[in-house]
Amino acid sequence: MGLADDQPLVRSGIAMLLAAERDIAVVGECADGAAAVELARRERPDVVLMDVRMPGTDGVTATRDITAEGAGVRVLVLTTYHVDDAVRAALRAGASGFLLKDAAPDELTMAVRAVAAGEAWLDPAVTRSLLTEFAALGDHRRPVPGELGRLTDRERQVLVQMAYGLSNAEIAARLHIGDATVKTHVGRVLMKLGLRDRAQAVAAAYRGGLMPPTG
């Protein structure tokens, strides 16, 4: 994975933490968005952990550039704030989720693994609020009723569970199906709705009326 943060102590601390994990390799570090884009092009990491606010090219612009290239590099946004305009912009730019800088070390490693596996990672405390707002922005393709109608009943059930922030394993347990079956259903949902990843699929569930509004 790659790491972009303009604070050297934060960056080195995160790098040391991740490098201690047997299944995570830090292939590069940088201090601004432009360098993060170059790192993604050069190393093709599964995940770039991206600070939102950096001098020069910010994390939102870098996220947009990285995801636009379609090389399969996913971006996990790192932020000090729970929900703000920069976080929303980063998600619209193609980020697969965001993580708070005060997250526990085990949450950081879980988030990196989840995003590398193609899942969305959003802070549980604000997931519903953020996704409801994000869905209302209209920047992504909005599935029309005919598109949602292409989903089977089981695929719609899986999409709803995704919108509640459940992982593939948790969906499998709740729906009493295998992990591989869930992965297949997730792939078909993305394909049928013409969406890039789980983050877009979750927003589509709200836009399409599959989820109850938050109050």
N, C-alpha and C. Protein backbone atom coordinates (compact mmCIF):
# COMPACT_ATOMS: atom_id res chain seq x y z
N MET A 1 0.84 -1.18 0.00
CA MET A 1 0.00 0.00 0.00
C MET A 1 0.88 1.24 0.00
N GLY A 2 0.27 2.39 -0.37
CA GLY A 2 0.96 3.66 -0.35
C GLY A 2 0.38 4.55 0.72
N LEU A 3 1.15 5.53 1.15
CA LEU A 3 0.74 6.40 2.25
C LEU A 3 1.06 7.85 1.91
N ALA A 4 0.03 8.71 1.96
CA ALA A 4 0.22 10.14 1.66
C ALA A 4 -0.29 10.98 2.82
N ASP A 5 0.62 11.69 3.49
CA ASP A 5 0.27 12.58 4.60
C ASP A 5 1.40 13.60 4.74
N ASP A 6 1.04 14.87 4.91
CA ASP A 6 2.07 15.90 4.96
C ASP A 6 2.70 16.05 6.34
N GLN A 7 2.22 15.32 7.34
CA GLN A 7 2.80 15.39 8.68
C GLN A 7 3.77 14.22 8.86
N PRO A 8 5.07 14.47 8.91
CA PRO A 8 6.05 13.39 8.96
C PRO A 8 5.86 12.42 10.11
N LEU A 9 5.54 12.93 11.31
CA LEU A 9 5.38 12.05 12.45
C LEU A 9 4.17 11.13 12.28
N VAL A 10 3.08 11.69 11.78
CA VAL A 10 1.88 10.89 11.53
C VAL A 10 2.18 9.84 10.47
N ARG A 11 2.82 10.27 9.40
CA ARG A 11 3.12 9.36 8.30
C ARG A 11 4.03 8.22 8.73
N SER A 12 5.09 8.55 9.45
CA SER A 12 6.03 7.51 9.86
C SER A 12 5.42 6.57 10.88
N GLY A 13 4.56 7.11 11.75
CA GLY A 13 3.90 6.26 12.74
C GLY A 13 2.96 5.27 12.09
N ILE A 14 2.18 5.73 11.13
CA ILE A 14 1.27 4.85 10.42
C ILE A 14 2.04 3.81 9.62
N ALA A 15 3.11 4.25 8.97
CA ALA A 15 3.91 3.32 8.17
C ALA A 15 4.51 2.21 9.04
N MET A 16 5.00 2.56 10.21
CA MET A 16 5.56 1.56 11.12
C MET A 16 4.50 0.59 11.59
N LEU A 17 3.32 1.11 11.89
CA LEU A 17 2.23 0.26 12.34
C LEU A 17 1.82 -0.74 11.26
N LEU A 18 1.68 -0.26 10.04
CA LEU A 18 1.24 -1.13 8.95
C LEU A 18 2.33 -2.12 8.54
N ALA A 19 3.58 -1.65 8.55
CA ALA A 19 4.68 -2.52 8.15
C ALA A 19 4.84 -3.70 9.11
N ALA A 20 4.32 -3.57 10.33
CA ALA A 20 4.42 -4.65 11.31
C ALA A 20 3.44 -5.78 11.02
N GLU A 21 2.49 -5.53 10.12
CA GLU A 21 1.51 -6.56 9.76
C GLU A 21 2.09 -7.46 8.67
N ARG A 22 1.95 -8.76 8.85
CA ARG A 22 2.56 -9.71 7.92
C ARG A 22 1.97 -9.64 6.52
N ASP A 23 0.70 -9.23 6.41
CA ASP A 23 0.05 -9.23 5.10
C ASP A 23 -0.05 -7.85 4.48
N ILE A 24 0.60 -6.85 5.06
CA ILE A 24 0.57 -5.49 4.53
C ILE A 24 1.99 -5.00 4.28
N ALA A 25 2.25 -4.54 3.07
CA ALA A 25 3.57 -3.99 2.73
C ALA A 25 3.41 -2.54 2.31
N VAL A 26 4.15 -1.65 2.93
CA VAL A 26 4.14 -0.23 2.57
C VAL A 26 5.17 -0.02 1.46
N VAL A 27 4.70 0.27 0.26
CA VAL A 27 5.61 0.37 -0.89
C VAL A 27 6.10 1.79 -1.14
N GLY A 28 5.53 2.77 -0.42
CA GLY A 28 5.99 4.13 -0.62
C GLY A 28 5.25 5.11 0.26
N GLU A 29 5.91 6.23 0.58
CA GLU A 29 5.33 7.30 1.37
C GLU A 29 5.54 8.62 0.63
N CYS A 30 4.64 9.57 0.84
CA CYS A 30 4.81 10.89 0.23
C CYS A 30 4.05 11.93 1.06
N ALA A 31 4.29 13.21 0.74
CA ALA A 31 3.75 14.29 1.56
C ALA A 31 2.76 15.19 0.85
N ASP A 32 2.41 14.89 -0.40
CA ASP A 32 1.42 15.71 -1.10
C ASP A 32 0.70 14.89 -2.16
N GLY A 33 -0.39 15.45 -2.66
CA GLY A 33 -1.23 14.72 -3.58
C GLY A 33 -0.57 14.38 -4.90
N ALA A 34 0.22 15.30 -5.45
CA ALA A 34 0.87 15.03 -6.73
C ALA A 34 1.82 13.84 -6.61
N ALA A 35 2.54 13.78 -5.50
CA ALA A 35 3.45 12.65 -5.29
C ALA A 35 2.67 11.36 -5.08
N ALA A 36 1.47 11.47 -4.48
CA ALA A 36 0.64 10.29 -4.28
C ALA A 36 0.18 9.71 -5.62
N VAL A 37 -0.15 10.58 -6.55
CA VAL A 37 -0.55 10.12 -7.89
C VAL A 37 0.61 9.41 -8.57
N GLU A 38 1.78 9.99 -8.47
CA GLU A 38 2.96 9.35 -9.07
C GLU A 38 3.28 8.02 -8.40
N LEU A 39 3.13 7.97 -7.09
CA LEU A 39 3.34 6.72 -6.35
C LEU A 39 2.37 5.64 -6.83
N ALA A 40 1.11 6.03 -7.00
CA ALA A 40 0.11 5.07 -7.46
C ALA A 40 0.43 4.56 -8.86
N ARG A 41 0.90 5.44 -9.73
CA ARG A 41 1.25 5.04 -11.10
C ARG A 41 2.46 4.13 -11.11
N ARG A 42 3.42 4.44 -10.26
CA ARG A 42 4.68 3.70 -10.27
C ARG A 42 4.58 2.34 -9.59
N GLU A 43 3.94 2.30 -8.44
CA GLU A 43 3.94 1.08 -7.63
C GLU A 43 2.67 0.25 -7.76
N ARG A 44 1.58 0.87 -8.22
CA ARG A 44 0.30 0.18 -8.35
C ARG A 44 -0.09 -0.55 -7.05
N PRO A 45 -0.11 0.15 -5.92
CA PRO A 45 -0.50 -0.50 -4.67
C PRO A 45 -1.99 -0.82 -4.68
N ASP A 46 -2.41 -1.78 -3.88
CA ASP A 46 -3.84 -2.09 -3.77
C ASP A 46 -4.59 -0.91 -3.17
N VAL A 47 -3.95 -0.23 -2.21
CA VAL A 47 -4.60 0.86 -1.47
C VAL A 47 -3.63 2.02 -1.29
N VAL A 48 -4.15 3.24 -1.42
CA VAL A 48 -3.41 4.43 -1.00
C VAL A 48 -4.17 5.05 0.16
N LEU A 49 -3.51 5.17 1.31
CA LEU A 49 -4.09 5.85 2.46
C LEU A 49 -3.80 7.33 2.28
N MET A 50 -4.84 8.12 2.08
CA MET A 50 -4.69 9.49 1.59
C MET A 50 -5.21 10.53 2.58
N ASP A 51 -4.34 11.41 3.05
CA ASP A 51 -4.78 12.55 3.86
C ASP A 51 -5.57 13.49 2.95
N VAL A 52 -6.64 14.07 3.48
CA VAL A 52 -7.47 14.96 2.66
C VAL A 52 -6.79 16.29 2.44
N ARG A 53 -6.26 16.86 3.50
CA ARG A 53 -5.70 18.20 3.42
C ARG A 53 -4.18 18.15 3.40
N MET A 54 -3.62 18.50 2.26
CA MET A 54 -2.17 18.56 2.09
C MET A 54 -1.83 19.77 1.24
N PRO A 55 -0.64 20.34 1.39
CA PRO A 55 -0.26 21.49 0.57
C PRO A 55 -0.11 21.10 -0.89
N GLY A 56 -0.27 22.08 -1.76
CA GLY A 56 -0.17 21.78 -3.19
C GLY A 56 -1.40 21.03 -3.65
N THR A 57 -1.20 19.90 -4.28
CA THR A 57 -2.32 19.07 -4.74
C THR A 57 -2.93 18.38 -3.53
N ASP A 58 -4.21 18.65 -3.27
CA ASP A 58 -4.83 18.08 -2.07
C ASP A 58 -5.26 16.63 -2.30
N GLY A 59 -5.73 16.01 -1.24
CA GLY A 59 -6.10 14.61 -1.31
C GLY A 59 -7.30 14.33 -2.20
N VAL A 60 -8.22 15.28 -2.29
CA VAL A 60 -9.40 15.08 -3.14
C VAL A 60 -9.00 15.02 -4.61
N THR A 61 -8.18 15.98 -5.04
CA THR A 61 -7.73 16.00 -6.42
C THR A 61 -6.91 14.76 -6.74
N ALA A 62 -6.03 14.37 -5.81
CA ALA A 62 -5.21 13.17 -6.02
C ALA A 62 -6.08 11.92 -6.11
N THR A 63 -7.10 11.85 -5.27
CA THR A 63 -8.02 10.70 -5.31
C THR A 63 -8.71 10.62 -6.66
N ARG A 64 -9.18 11.76 -7.16
CA ARG A 64 -9.85 11.78 -8.46
C ARG A 64 -8.91 11.33 -9.58
N ASP A 65 -7.67 11.79 -9.54
CA ASP A 65 -6.71 11.41 -10.57
C ASP A 65 -6.37 9.92 -10.52
N ILE A 66 -6.22 9.40 -9.31
CA ILE A 66 -5.86 7.99 -9.16
C ILE A 66 -6.99 7.08 -9.61
N THR A 67 -8.21 7.36 -9.18
CA THR A 67 -9.33 6.49 -9.53
C THR A 67 -9.71 6.62 -11.00
N ALA A 68 -9.47 7.80 -11.59
CA ALA A 68 -9.81 8.02 -13.00
C ALA A 68 -8.96 7.18 -13.93
N GLU A 69 -7.79 6.79 -13.49
CA GLU A 69 -6.90 6.01 -14.35
C GLU A 69 -7.33 4.55 -14.47
N GLY A 70 -8.21 4.11 -13.59
CA GLY A 70 -8.76 2.76 -13.72
C GLY A 70 -7.75 1.65 -13.58
N ALA A 71 -6.72 1.86 -12.76
CA ALA A 71 -5.67 0.85 -12.59
C ALA A 71 -5.94 -0.09 -11.42
N GLY A 72 -7.09 0.08 -10.78
CA GLY A 72 -7.43 -0.79 -9.66
C GLY A 72 -6.86 -0.36 -8.34
N VAL A 73 -6.27 0.83 -8.27
CA VAL A 73 -5.75 1.36 -7.01
C VAL A 73 -6.91 2.00 -6.25
N ARG A 74 -7.15 1.57 -5.03
CA ARG A 74 -8.25 2.10 -4.23
C ARG A 74 -7.70 3.11 -3.23
N VAL A 75 -8.54 4.07 -2.88
CA VAL A 75 -8.12 5.13 -1.97
C VAL A 75 -8.93 5.09 -0.69
N LEU A 76 -8.23 5.08 0.43
CA LEU A 76 -8.84 5.17 1.76
C LEU A 76 -8.45 6.53 2.32
N VAL A 77 -9.43 7.39 2.52
CA VAL A 77 -9.17 8.76 2.94
C VAL A 77 -8.93 8.83 4.44
N LEU A 78 -7.92 9.60 4.81
CA LEU A 78 -7.56 9.81 6.21
C LEU A 78 -7.92 11.24 6.59
N THR A 79 -8.73 11.42 7.64
CA THR A 79 -9.20 12.74 7.98
C THR A 79 -9.28 12.93 9.49
N THR A 80 -9.21 14.20 9.91
CA THR A 80 -9.34 14.54 11.32
C THR A 80 -10.80 14.71 11.70
N TYR A 81 -11.65 14.95 10.72
CA TYR A 81 -13.04 15.29 10.98
C TYR A 81 -13.97 14.15 10.60
N HIS A 82 -15.08 14.06 11.33
CA HIS A 82 -16.04 12.99 11.05
C HIS A 82 -16.66 13.16 9.66
N VAL A 83 -17.32 14.26 9.44
CA VAL A 83 -17.96 14.50 8.14
C VAL A 83 -17.79 15.97 7.80
N ASP A 84 -17.20 16.26 6.66
CA ASP A 84 -17.12 17.64 6.20
C ASP A 84 -17.11 17.63 4.68
N ASP A 85 -17.04 18.82 4.09
CA ASP A 85 -17.12 18.93 2.63
C ASP A 85 -15.98 18.17 1.95
N ALA A 86 -14.80 18.19 2.55
CA ALA A 86 -13.66 17.51 1.93
C ALA A 86 -13.88 16.00 1.88
N VAL A 87 -14.44 15.44 2.94
CA VAL A 87 -14.71 14.01 2.96
C VAL A 87 -15.75 13.65 1.91
N ARG A 88 -16.80 14.44 1.83
CA ARG A 88 -17.83 14.19 0.81
C ARG A 88 -17.23 14.29 -0.59
N ALA A 89 -16.41 15.29 -0.78
CA ALA A 89 -15.78 15.48 -2.10
C ALA A 89 -14.87 14.30 -2.43
N ALA A 90 -14.16 13.78 -1.43
CA ALA A 90 -13.27 12.64 -1.66
C ALA A 90 -14.06 11.40 -2.06
N LEU A 91 -15.21 11.20 -1.44
CA LEU A 91 -16.04 10.07 -1.82
C LEU A 91 -16.59 10.24 -3.23
N ARG A 92 -17.00 11.45 -3.56
CA ARG A 92 -17.47 11.70 -4.93
C ARG A 92 -16.33 11.53 -5.93
N ALA A 93 -15.11 11.78 -5.49
CA ALA A 93 -13.94 11.65 -6.38
C ALA A 93 -13.56 10.19 -6.59
N GLY A 94 -14.15 9.29 -5.82
CA GLY A 94 -13.89 7.87 -6.04
C GLY A 94 -13.26 7.13 -4.88
N ALA A 95 -13.11 7.78 -3.71
CA ALA A 95 -12.54 7.09 -2.55
C ALA A 95 -13.45 5.93 -2.14
N SER A 96 -12.84 4.89 -1.64
CA SER A 96 -13.60 3.71 -1.19
C SER A 96 -13.99 3.79 0.27
N GLY A 97 -13.67 4.89 0.92
CA GLY A 97 -14.06 5.06 2.31
C GLY A 97 -13.17 6.06 3.00
N PHE A 98 -13.44 6.28 4.30
CA PHE A 98 -12.59 7.19 5.04
C PHE A 98 -12.39 6.68 6.45
N LEU A 99 -11.26 7.10 7.02
CA LEU A 99 -10.86 6.66 8.35
C LEU A 99 -10.42 7.88 9.15
N LEU A 100 -10.85 7.95 10.40
CA LEU A 100 -10.45 9.06 11.26
C LEU A 100 -9.02 8.86 11.74
N LYS A 101 -8.30 9.98 11.89
CA LYS A 101 -6.91 9.90 12.33
C LYS A 101 -6.78 9.42 13.77
N ASP A 102 -7.86 9.52 14.54
CA ASP A 102 -7.79 9.04 15.92
C ASP A 102 -8.31 7.60 16.06
N ALA A 103 -8.43 6.90 14.93
CA ALA A 103 -8.89 5.51 14.96
C ALA A 103 -7.87 4.63 15.68
N ALA A 104 -8.36 3.56 16.27
CA ALA A 104 -7.48 2.61 16.95
C ALA A 104 -6.63 1.88 15.92
N PRO A 105 -5.44 1.42 16.29
CA PRO A 105 -4.56 0.72 15.35
C PRO A 105 -5.22 -0.47 14.67
N ASP A 106 -6.01 -1.25 15.42
CA ASP A 106 -6.64 -2.41 14.79
C ASP A 106 -7.70 -2.00 13.79
N GLU A 107 -8.32 -0.83 14.00
CA GLU A 107 -9.30 -0.34 13.04
C GLU A 107 -8.61 0.09 11.75
N LEU A 108 -7.44 0.68 11.88
CA LEU A 108 -6.67 1.07 10.70
C LEU A 108 -6.33 -0.15 9.85
N THR A 109 -5.82 -1.20 10.47
CA THR A 109 -5.45 -2.38 9.69
C THR A 109 -6.68 -3.05 9.09
N MET A 110 -7.79 -3.08 9.83
CA MET A 110 -9.02 -3.66 9.28
C MET A 110 -9.51 -2.85 8.09
N ALA A 111 -9.41 -1.52 8.18
CA ALA A 111 -9.86 -0.67 7.09
C ALA A 111 -9.03 -0.90 5.83
N VAL A 112 -7.72 -0.98 5.99
CA VAL A 112 -6.84 -1.21 4.84
C VAL A 112 -7.17 -2.55 4.19
N ARG A 113 -7.35 -3.58 5.00
CA ARG A 113 -7.67 -4.90 4.45
C ARG A 113 -9.03 -4.91 3.75
N ALA A 114 -10.01 -4.23 4.35
CA ALA A 114 -11.34 -4.19 3.76
C ALA A 114 -11.33 -3.49 2.41
N VAL A 115 -10.67 -2.34 2.33
CA VAL A 115 -10.62 -1.59 1.07
C VAL A 115 -9.84 -2.37 0.02
N ALA A 116 -8.76 -3.02 0.43
CA ALA A 116 -7.98 -3.84 -0.51
C ALA A 116 -8.82 -4.97 -1.08
N ALA A 117 -9.79 -5.45 -0.28
CA ALA A 117 -10.66 -6.55 -0.71
C ALA A 117 -11.85 -6.06 -1.53
N GLY A 118 -11.93 -4.74 -1.76
CA GLY A 118 -13.01 -4.20 -2.57
C GLY A 118 -14.22 -3.74 -1.80
N GLU A 119 -14.11 -3.69 -0.48
CA GLU A 119 -15.23 -3.25 0.33
C GLU A 119 -15.11 -1.76 0.65
N ALA A 120 -16.24 -1.16 1.02
CA ALA A 120 -16.21 0.23 1.46
C ALA A 120 -15.93 0.27 2.96
N TRP A 121 -15.21 1.29 3.41
CA TRP A 121 -14.97 1.45 4.84
C TRP A 121 -15.37 2.85 5.25
N LEU A 122 -16.44 2.94 6.04
CA LEU A 122 -16.93 4.22 6.51
C LEU A 122 -17.11 4.14 8.01
N ASP A 123 -16.74 5.20 8.70
CA ASP A 123 -16.84 5.19 10.15
C ASP A 123 -18.26 4.86 10.58
N PRO A 124 -18.46 3.83 11.39
CA PRO A 124 -19.82 3.38 11.75
C PRO A 124 -20.68 4.47 12.38
N ALA A 125 -20.07 5.39 13.12
CA ALA A 125 -20.84 6.40 13.83
C ALA A 125 -21.54 7.38 12.89
N VAL A 126 -21.03 7.52 11.68
CA VAL A 126 -21.60 8.51 10.78
C VAL A 126 -22.00 7.93 9.43
N THR A 127 -21.94 6.62 9.28
CA THR A 127 -22.21 6.01 7.98
C THR A 127 -23.56 6.40 7.42
N ARG A 128 -24.62 6.22 8.21
CA ARG A 128 -25.96 6.50 7.70
C ARG A 128 -26.11 7.97 7.31
N SER A 129 -25.65 8.88 8.16
CA SER A 129 -25.78 10.30 7.88
C SER A 129 -25.01 10.70 6.62
N LEU A 130 -23.78 10.26 6.53
CA LEU A 130 -22.93 10.62 5.40
C LEU A 130 -23.49 10.08 4.09
N LEU A 131 -23.88 8.82 4.09
CA LEU A 131 -24.35 8.21 2.85
C LEU A 131 -25.68 8.79 2.38
N THR A 132 -26.53 9.18 3.33
CA THR A 132 -27.78 9.81 2.95
C THR A 132 -27.51 11.14 2.26
N GLU A 133 -26.59 11.92 2.84
CA GLU A 133 -26.23 13.20 2.21
C GLU A 133 -25.54 12.96 0.87
N PHE A 134 -24.62 12.02 0.85
CA PHE A 134 -23.87 11.71 -0.37
C PHE A 134 -24.81 11.27 -1.49
N ALA A 135 -25.81 10.46 -1.14
CA ALA A 135 -26.75 9.96 -2.13
C ALA A 135 -27.57 11.09 -2.75
N ALA A 136 -27.83 12.12 -1.95
CA ALA A 136 -28.67 13.21 -2.43
C ALA A 136 -27.93 14.18 -3.33
N LEU A 137 -26.62 14.06 -3.42
CA LEU A 137 -25.84 15.01 -4.21
C LEU A 137 -26.01 14.82 -5.70
N GLY A 138 -26.29 13.58 -6.12
CA GLY A 138 -26.56 13.33 -7.52
C GLY A 138 -25.37 13.32 -8.43
N ASP A 139 -24.15 13.21 -7.89
CA ASP A 139 -22.97 13.23 -8.74
C ASP A 139 -22.70 11.90 -9.42
N HIS A 140 -23.16 10.80 -8.84
CA HIS A 140 -22.98 9.49 -9.46
C HIS A 140 -24.21 9.15 -10.31
N ARG A 141 -24.08 8.18 -11.17
CA ARG A 141 -25.23 7.72 -11.95
C ARG A 141 -26.29 7.24 -10.99
N ARG A 142 -27.50 7.65 -11.21
CA ARG A 142 -28.60 7.22 -10.37
C ARG A 142 -29.32 6.08 -11.06
N PRO A 143 -29.34 4.89 -10.48
CA PRO A 143 -30.04 3.78 -11.12
C PRO A 143 -31.53 4.10 -11.26
N VAL A 144 -32.03 3.99 -12.45
CA VAL A 144 -33.46 4.20 -12.66
C VAL A 144 -34.19 2.93 -12.24
N PRO A 145 -35.52 3.01 -12.05
CA PRO A 145 -36.25 1.81 -11.61
C PRO A 145 -35.98 0.58 -12.46
N GLY A 146 -35.83 0.77 -13.77
CA GLY A 146 -35.57 -0.37 -14.63
C GLY A 146 -34.25 -1.04 -14.31
N GLU A 147 -33.24 -0.24 -13.94
CA GLU A 147 -31.94 -0.80 -13.59
C GLU A 147 -32.02 -1.57 -12.27
N LEU A 148 -32.68 -0.97 -11.28
CA LEU A 148 -32.85 -1.68 -10.01
C LEU A 148 -33.66 -2.94 -10.20
N GLY A 149 -34.56 -2.91 -11.18
CA GLY A 149 -35.38 -4.08 -11.45
C GLY A 149 -34.60 -5.24 -12.03
N ARG A 150 -33.38 -4.98 -12.50
CA ARG A 150 -32.54 -6.06 -13.01
C ARG A 150 -31.99 -6.95 -11.90
N LEU A 151 -32.01 -6.42 -10.68
CA LEU A 151 -31.48 -7.19 -9.57
C LEU A 151 -32.47 -8.28 -9.15
N THR A 152 -31.93 -9.43 -8.83
CA THR A 152 -32.77 -10.48 -8.27
C THR A 152 -33.12 -10.12 -6.83
N ASP A 153 -34.08 -10.83 -6.25
CA ASP A 153 -34.44 -10.56 -4.86
C ASP A 153 -33.23 -10.72 -3.95
N ARG A 154 -32.43 -11.76 -4.19
CA ARG A 154 -31.26 -11.99 -3.35
C ARG A 154 -30.23 -10.87 -3.52
N GLU A 155 -30.05 -10.39 -4.75
CA GLU A 155 -29.10 -9.30 -4.99
C GLU A 155 -29.55 -8.02 -4.29
N ARG A 156 -30.85 -7.78 -4.29
CA ARG A 156 -31.37 -6.61 -3.58
C ARG A 156 -31.15 -6.75 -2.08
N GLN A 157 -31.32 -7.97 -1.57
CA GLN A 157 -31.07 -8.20 -0.15
C GLN A 157 -29.61 -7.94 0.19
N VAL A 158 -28.73 -8.40 -0.67
CA VAL A 158 -27.30 -8.18 -0.44
C VAL A 158 -26.98 -6.69 -0.50
N LEU A 159 -27.57 -5.97 -1.45
CA LEU A 159 -27.33 -4.54 -1.58
C LEU A 159 -27.78 -3.80 -0.32
N VAL A 160 -28.92 -4.18 0.22
CA VAL A 160 -29.41 -3.55 1.45
C VAL A 160 -28.43 -3.79 2.60
N GLN A 161 -27.95 -5.01 2.72
CA GLN A 161 -26.99 -5.30 3.80
C GLN A 161 -25.69 -4.53 3.60
N MET A 162 -25.27 -4.36 2.36
CA MET A 162 -24.09 -3.52 2.07
C MET A 162 -24.34 -2.10 2.56
N ALA A 163 -25.55 -1.60 2.34
CA ALA A 163 -25.88 -0.24 2.73
C ALA A 163 -25.87 -0.06 4.25
N TYR A 164 -26.06 -1.14 4.97
CA TYR A 164 -25.96 -1.07 6.43
C TYR A 164 -24.52 -1.18 6.90
N GLY A 165 -23.58 -1.28 5.96
CA GLY A 165 -22.17 -1.29 6.30
C GLY A 165 -21.61 -2.64 6.66
N LEU A 166 -22.31 -3.73 6.31
CA LEU A 166 -21.84 -5.06 6.66
C LEU A 166 -20.79 -5.55 5.68
N SER A 167 -19.84 -6.30 6.19
CA SER A 167 -18.81 -6.93 5.35
C SER A 167 -19.40 -8.15 4.66
N ASN A 168 -18.66 -8.73 3.72
CA ASN A 168 -19.13 -9.94 3.05
C ASN A 168 -19.41 -11.05 4.05
N ALA A 169 -18.52 -11.23 5.02
CA ALA A 169 -18.70 -12.29 6.01
C ALA A 169 -19.95 -12.05 6.85
N GLU A 170 -20.20 -10.81 7.21
CA GLU A 170 -21.38 -10.49 8.01
C GLU A 170 -22.65 -10.67 7.20
N ILE A 171 -22.60 -10.32 5.90
CA ILE A 171 -23.77 -10.54 5.04
C ILE A 171 -24.04 -12.02 4.90
N ALA A 172 -22.98 -12.79 4.73
CA ALA A 172 -23.15 -14.25 4.60
C ALA A 172 -23.82 -14.83 5.83
N ALA A 173 -23.40 -14.39 7.01
CA ALA A 173 -23.98 -14.91 8.24
C ALA A 173 -25.43 -14.49 8.38
N ARG A 174 -25.74 -13.26 8.03
CA ARG A 174 -27.11 -12.77 8.20
C ARG A 174 -28.07 -13.42 7.21
N LEU A 175 -27.61 -13.65 5.98
CA LEU A 175 -28.48 -14.22 4.95
C LEU A 175 -28.35 -15.74 4.84
N HIS A 176 -27.46 -16.30 5.66
CA HIS A 176 -27.27 -17.77 5.69
C HIS A 176 -26.83 -18.31 4.33
N ILE A 177 -25.85 -17.63 3.75
CA ILE A 177 -25.27 -18.08 2.48
C ILE A 177 -23.75 -18.05 2.62
N GLY A 178 -23.04 -18.61 1.66
CA GLY A 178 -21.59 -18.67 1.73
C GLY A 178 -20.91 -17.37 1.37
N ASP A 179 -19.68 -17.19 1.87
CA ASP A 179 -18.92 -15.99 1.55
C ASP A 179 -18.71 -15.83 0.05
N ALA A 180 -18.42 -16.92 -0.63
CA ALA A 180 -18.20 -16.86 -2.07
C ALA A 180 -19.47 -16.44 -2.80
N THR A 181 -20.61 -16.90 -2.30
CA THR A 181 -21.89 -16.52 -2.91
C THR A 181 -22.14 -15.03 -2.74
N VAL A 182 -21.82 -14.50 -1.57
CA VAL A 182 -21.97 -13.06 -1.34
C VAL A 182 -21.09 -12.28 -2.31
N LYS A 183 -19.86 -12.71 -2.46
CA LYS A 183 -18.93 -12.03 -3.36
C LYS A 183 -19.47 -12.03 -4.79
N THR A 184 -20.06 -13.13 -5.20
CA THR A 184 -20.66 -13.21 -6.53
C THR A 184 -21.82 -12.23 -6.67
N HIS A 185 -22.67 -12.18 -5.64
CA HIS A 185 -23.82 -11.26 -5.69
C HIS A 185 -23.36 -9.81 -5.73
N VAL A 186 -22.34 -9.47 -4.94
CA VAL A 186 -21.82 -8.10 -4.95
C VAL A 186 -21.31 -7.74 -6.34
N GLY A 187 -20.58 -8.64 -6.96
CA GLY A 187 -20.08 -8.39 -8.31
C GLY A 187 -21.20 -8.17 -9.32
N ARG A 188 -22.26 -8.95 -9.19
CA ARG A 188 -23.39 -8.81 -10.12
C ARG A 188 -24.13 -7.51 -9.89
N VAL A 189 -24.27 -7.09 -8.63
CA VAL A 189 -24.92 -5.81 -8.34
C VAL A 189 -24.15 -4.67 -9.00
N LEU A 190 -22.83 -4.68 -8.84
CA LEU A 190 -22.01 -3.63 -9.45
C LEU A 190 -22.14 -3.63 -10.96
N MET A 191 -22.09 -4.82 -11.55
CA MET A 191 -22.16 -4.93 -13.00
C MET A 191 -23.52 -4.46 -13.52
N LYS A 192 -24.59 -4.92 -12.90
CA LYS A 192 -25.93 -4.59 -13.39
C LYS A 192 -26.26 -3.11 -13.25
N LEU A 193 -25.74 -2.48 -12.19
CA LEU A 193 -26.04 -1.07 -11.98
C LEU A 193 -24.99 -0.15 -12.58
N GLY A 194 -23.94 -0.73 -13.17
CA GLY A 194 -22.90 0.07 -13.80
C GLY A 194 -22.11 0.91 -12.81
N LEU A 195 -21.84 0.32 -11.64
CA LEU A 195 -21.14 1.04 -10.58
C LEU A 195 -19.73 0.51 -10.42
N ARG A 196 -18.86 1.37 -9.86
CA ARG A 196 -17.44 1.04 -9.77
C ARG A 196 -17.11 0.16 -8.56
N ASP A 197 -17.71 0.48 -7.40
CA ASP A 197 -17.31 -0.24 -6.20
C ASP A 197 -18.43 -0.20 -5.16
N ARG A 198 -18.14 -0.75 -3.99
CA ARG A 198 -19.16 -0.86 -2.95
C ARG A 198 -19.61 0.50 -2.44
N ALA A 199 -18.72 1.47 -2.42
CA ALA A 199 -19.12 2.79 -1.94
C ALA A 199 -20.23 3.37 -2.81
N GLN A 200 -20.08 3.24 -4.13
CA GLN A 200 -21.14 3.70 -5.03
C GLN A 200 -22.40 2.86 -4.87
N ALA A 201 -22.24 1.56 -4.66
CA ALA A 201 -23.40 0.69 -4.51
C ALA A 201 -24.21 1.06 -3.27
N VAL A 202 -23.51 1.39 -2.19
CA VAL A 202 -24.20 1.79 -0.96
C VAL A 202 -25.00 3.07 -1.19
N ALA A 203 -24.37 4.05 -1.85
CA ALA A 203 -25.08 5.29 -2.16
C ALA A 203 -26.27 5.02 -3.07
N ALA A 204 -26.12 4.10 -4.02
CA ALA A 204 -27.21 3.76 -4.94
C ALA A 204 -28.39 3.18 -4.19
N ALA A 205 -28.13 2.44 -3.12
CA ALA A 205 -29.23 1.85 -2.34
C ALA A 205 -30.08 2.94 -1.72
N TYR A 206 -29.44 4.04 -1.27
CA TYR A 206 -30.18 5.16 -0.71
C TYR A 206 -30.89 5.93 -1.79
N ARG A 207 -30.19 6.19 -2.89
CA ARG A 207 -30.82 6.95 -3.99
C ARG A 207 -31.99 6.19 -4.57
N GLY A 208 -31.87 4.89 -4.63
CA GLY A 208 -32.92 4.09 -5.25
C GLY A 208 -34.09 3.80 -4.34
N GLY A 209 -34.06 4.30 -3.11
CA GLY A 209 -35.18 4.11 -2.20
C GLY A 209 -35.21 2.77 -1.49
N LEU A 210 -34.11 2.03 -1.54
CA LEU A 210 -34.09 0.73 -0.86
C LEU A 210 -33.90 0.88 0.64
N MET A 211 -33.40 2.03 1.08
CA MET A 211 -33.14 2.24 2.50
C MET A 211 -34.09 3.28 3.05
N PRO A 212 -34.50 3.14 4.32
CA PRO A 212 -35.37 4.14 4.91
C PRO A 212 -34.60 5.41 5.17
N PRO A 213 -35.24 6.57 5.05
CA PRO A 213 -34.54 7.83 5.31
C PRO A 213 -34.15 7.92 6.77
N THR A 214 -33.04 8.60 7.04
CA THR A 214 -32.63 8.81 8.42
C THR A 214 -33.32 10.05 8.97
N GLY A 215 -33.61 10.01 10.25
CA GLY A 215 -34.31 11.13 10.85
C GLY A 215 -33.49 11.77 11.94
